[in-house]
Each structure stands twice: as C-alpha cells, then as structure tokens.
Amino acid sequence: MVLNNKGQAMVFGLMIAVFVFLAAVAIIAPLKDNIAIARNADNLDCDNSTITTETRATCLIVGLYMPYFIAAVLAGGVGFVFARRVT
C-alpha cells in the first residue's frame, strides 16, 4: 500500500497523537499523587476553613491543574493530527 504525502502525514500524526496520549496517561497517576500531597494538612491545608485568601486561591489553582492538564494534552494531540491534515 502506497500513501501520498497527505496520507503519510496523517499516519505520522496519528502515531504522535497516540504517543502523547500514552505519555499523558502514564503521567496522570504521579501527578494526582503530587496534587494530593500539595493539598494535604502538612502543606497547603486546603480543608482548613481559616486559611488566607491567597492560600484558598492557590488551593483552587492546584485543584484545577488536573483537568487543565488533560484538556491541554487532548487539544495538543488533536491539533497536531489536524494541523498535519490541513497542510
């Protein structure tokens, strides 16, 4: 089976997207553990109701890190696949 340049670029893009997805899946577990460690009572103490506003904002940002990481990886993988397809 012989592919033209666009077909080769699409296959290459899919391979890169699968690699990025697998790398992200491998990174999620340690990242989740680090977020839990950062939010526990010894560090940020996010469950305490008497923490300062700055600490609450930091807790919010640390808590939102995982969804933003997943969204960025998915957007990057999809963007890479379709950027190769358009050009």
C-alpha atoms as a PDB file:
ATOM      1  CA  MET A   1       0.000   0.000   0.000  1.00  0.00           C
ATOM      2  CA  VAL A   2       1.492   3.303  -1.123  1.00  0.00           C
ATOM      3  CA  LEU A   3       0.357   6.541   0.528  1.00  0.00           C
ATOM      4  CA  ASN A   4       0.740  10.042  -0.841  1.00  0.00           C
ATOM      5  CA  ASN A   5       2.248  12.835   1.276  1.00  0.00           C
ATOM      6  CA  LYS A   6      -1.036  13.728   2.977  1.00  0.00           C
ATOM      7  CA  GLY A   7      -1.693  10.081   3.846  1.00  0.00           C
ATOM      8  CA  GLN A   8       1.795   9.698   5.281  1.00  0.00           C
ATOM      9  CA  ALA A   9       1.378  12.895   7.299  1.00  0.00           C
ATOM     10  CA  MET A  10      -1.943  11.644   8.672  1.00  0.00           C
ATOM     11  CA  VAL A  11      -0.470   8.301   9.743  1.00  0.00           C
ATOM     12  CA  PHE A  12       2.505  10.071  11.305  1.00  0.00           C
ATOM     13  CA  GLY A  13       0.178  12.479  13.112  1.00  0.00           C
ATOM     14  CA  LEU A  14      -1.897   9.616  14.476  1.00  0.00           C
ATOM     15  CA  MET A  15       1.236   7.870  15.730  1.00  0.00           C
ATOM     16  CA  ILE A  16       2.387  11.025  17.515  1.00  0.00           C
ATOM     17  CA  ALA A  17      -1.091  11.599  18.981  1.00  0.00           C
ATOM     18  CA  VAL A  18      -1.201   8.033  20.346  1.00  0.00           C
ATOM     19  CA  PHE A  19       2.267   8.500  21.854  1.00  0.00           C
ATOM     20  CA  VAL A  20       1.246  11.790  23.500  1.00  0.00           C
ATOM     21  CA  PHE A  21      -1.915  10.158  24.848  1.00  0.00           C
ATOM     22  CA  LEU A  22       0.023   7.214  26.316  1.00  0.00           C
ATOM     23  CA  ALA A  23       2.612   9.542  27.857  1.00  0.00           C
ATOM     24  CA  ALA A  24      -0.157  11.627  29.420  1.00  0.00           C
ATOM     25  CA  VAL A  25      -1.839   8.523  30.845  1.00  0.00           C
ATOM     26  CA  ALA A  26       1.485   7.468  32.368  1.00  0.00           C
ATOM     27  CA  ILE A  27       1.959  10.903  33.950  1.00  0.00           C
ATOM     28  CA  ILE A  28      -1.558  11.196  35.421  1.00  0.00           C
ATOM     29  CA  ALA A  29      -1.050   8.872  38.420  1.00  0.00           C
ATOM     30  CA  PRO A  30       2.087  10.592  39.800  1.00  0.00           C
ATOM     31  CA  LEU A  31       0.568  13.982  39.056  1.00  0.00           C
ATOM     32  CA  LYS A  32      -2.554  13.059  41.010  1.00  0.00           C
ATOM     33  CA  ASP A  33      -0.418  11.961  43.966  1.00  0.00           C
ATOM     34  CA  ASN A  34       1.551  15.222  43.899  1.00  0.00           C
ATOM     35  CA  ILE A  35      -1.663  17.245  43.872  1.00  0.00           C
ATOM     36  CA  ALA A  36      -2.944  15.297  46.888  1.00  0.00           C
ATOM     37  CA  ILE A  37       0.349  15.865  48.713  1.00  0.00           C
ATOM     38  CA  ALA A  38       0.242  19.601  47.957  1.00  0.00           C
ATOM     39  CA  ARG A  39      -3.320  19.944  49.253  1.00  0.00           C
ATOM     40  CA  ASN A  40      -2.917  17.927  52.496  1.00  0.00           C
ATOM     41  CA  ALA A  41      -2.796  19.343  56.029  1.00  0.00           C
ATOM     42  CA  ASP A  42       1.011  19.496  56.175  1.00  0.00           C
ATOM     43  CA  ASN A  43       1.377  21.722  53.108  1.00  0.00           C
ATOM     44  CA  LEU A  44      -1.444  23.980  51.875  1.00  0.00           C
ATOM     45  CA  ASP A  45      -4.074  22.656  54.315  1.00  0.00           C
ATOM     46  CA  CYS A  46      -6.904  23.224  51.862  1.00  0.00           C
ATOM     47  CA  ASP A  47      -9.532  21.648  54.151  1.00  0.00           C
ATOM     48  CA  ASN A  48      -8.975  24.267  56.853  1.00  0.00           C
ATOM     49  CA  SER A  49     -11.671  26.954  56.898  1.00  0.00           C
ATOM     50  CA  THR A  50      -9.399  29.617  58.445  1.00  0.00           C
ATOM     51  CA  ILE A  51      -6.773  29.799  55.695  1.00  0.00           C
ATOM     52  CA  THR A  52      -5.994  33.079  53.953  1.00  0.00           C
ATOM     53  CA  THR A  53      -7.478  34.167  50.654  1.00  0.00           C
ATOM     54  CA  GLU A  54      -4.136  33.649  48.912  1.00  0.00           C
ATOM     55  CA  THR A  55      -3.942  30.065  50.151  1.00  0.00           C
ATOM     56  CA  ARG A  56      -7.521  29.428  49.043  1.00  0.00           C
ATOM     57  CA  ALA A  57      -6.675  30.727  45.564  1.00  0.00           C
ATOM     58  CA  THR A  58      -3.598  28.504  45.484  1.00  0.00           C
ATOM     59  CA  CYS A  59      -5.718  25.518  46.530  1.00  0.00           C
ATOM     60  CA  LEU A  60      -8.156  26.296  43.732  1.00  0.00           C
ATOM     61  CA  ILE A  61      -5.404  26.529  41.134  1.00  0.00           C
ATOM     62  CA  VAL A  62      -3.751  23.322  42.342  1.00  0.00           C
ATOM     63  CA  GLY A  63      -7.126  21.567  42.269  1.00  0.00           C
ATOM     64  CA  LEU A  64      -7.786  22.667  38.697  1.00  0.00           C
ATOM     65  CA  TYR A  65      -4.385  21.544  37.450  1.00  0.00           C
ATOM     66  CA  MET A  66      -5.502  18.013  36.505  1.00  0.00           C
ATOM     67  CA  PRO A  67      -8.465  18.992  34.275  1.00  0.00           C
ATOM     68  CA  TYR A  68      -6.367  21.656  32.550  1.00  0.00           C
ATOM     69  CA  PHE A  69      -3.541  19.162  32.013  1.00  0.00           C
ATOM     70  CA  ILE A  70      -5.909  16.641  30.422  1.00  0.00           C
ATOM     71  CA  ALA A  71      -7.540  19.313  28.250  1.00  0.00           C
ATOM     72  CA  ALA A  72      -4.163  20.617  27.083  1.00  0.00           C
ATOM     73  CA  VAL A  73      -2.927  17.141  26.166  1.00  0.00           C
ATOM     74  CA  LEU A  74      -6.107  16.324  24.265  1.00  0.00           C
ATOM     75  CA  ALA A  75      -6.117  19.666  22.476  1.00  0.00           C
ATOM     76  CA  GLY A  76      -2.456  19.308  21.577  1.00  0.00           C
ATOM     77  CA  GLY A  77      -2.894  15.792  20.218  1.00  0.00           C
ATOM     78  CA  VAL A  78      -5.980  16.644  18.185  1.00  0.00           C
ATOM     79  CA  GLY A  79      -4.394  19.865  16.968  1.00  0.00           C
ATOM     80  CA  PHE A  80      -1.290  18.020  15.849  1.00  0.00           C
ATOM     81  CA  VAL A  81      -3.327  15.460  13.910  1.00  0.00           C
ATOM     82  CA  PHE A  82      -5.481  18.045  12.169  1.00  0.00           C
ATOM     83  CA  ALA A  83      -2.643  20.521  11.561  1.00  0.00           C
ATOM     84  CA  ARG A  84      -0.853  17.846   9.576  1.00  0.00           C
ATOM     85  CA  ARG A  85      -4.046  17.049   7.700  1.00  0.00           C
ATOM     86  CA  VAL A  86      -4.771  20.628   6.635  1.00  0.00           C
ATOM     87  CA  THR A  87      -1.321  21.451   5.283  1.00  0.00           C
END
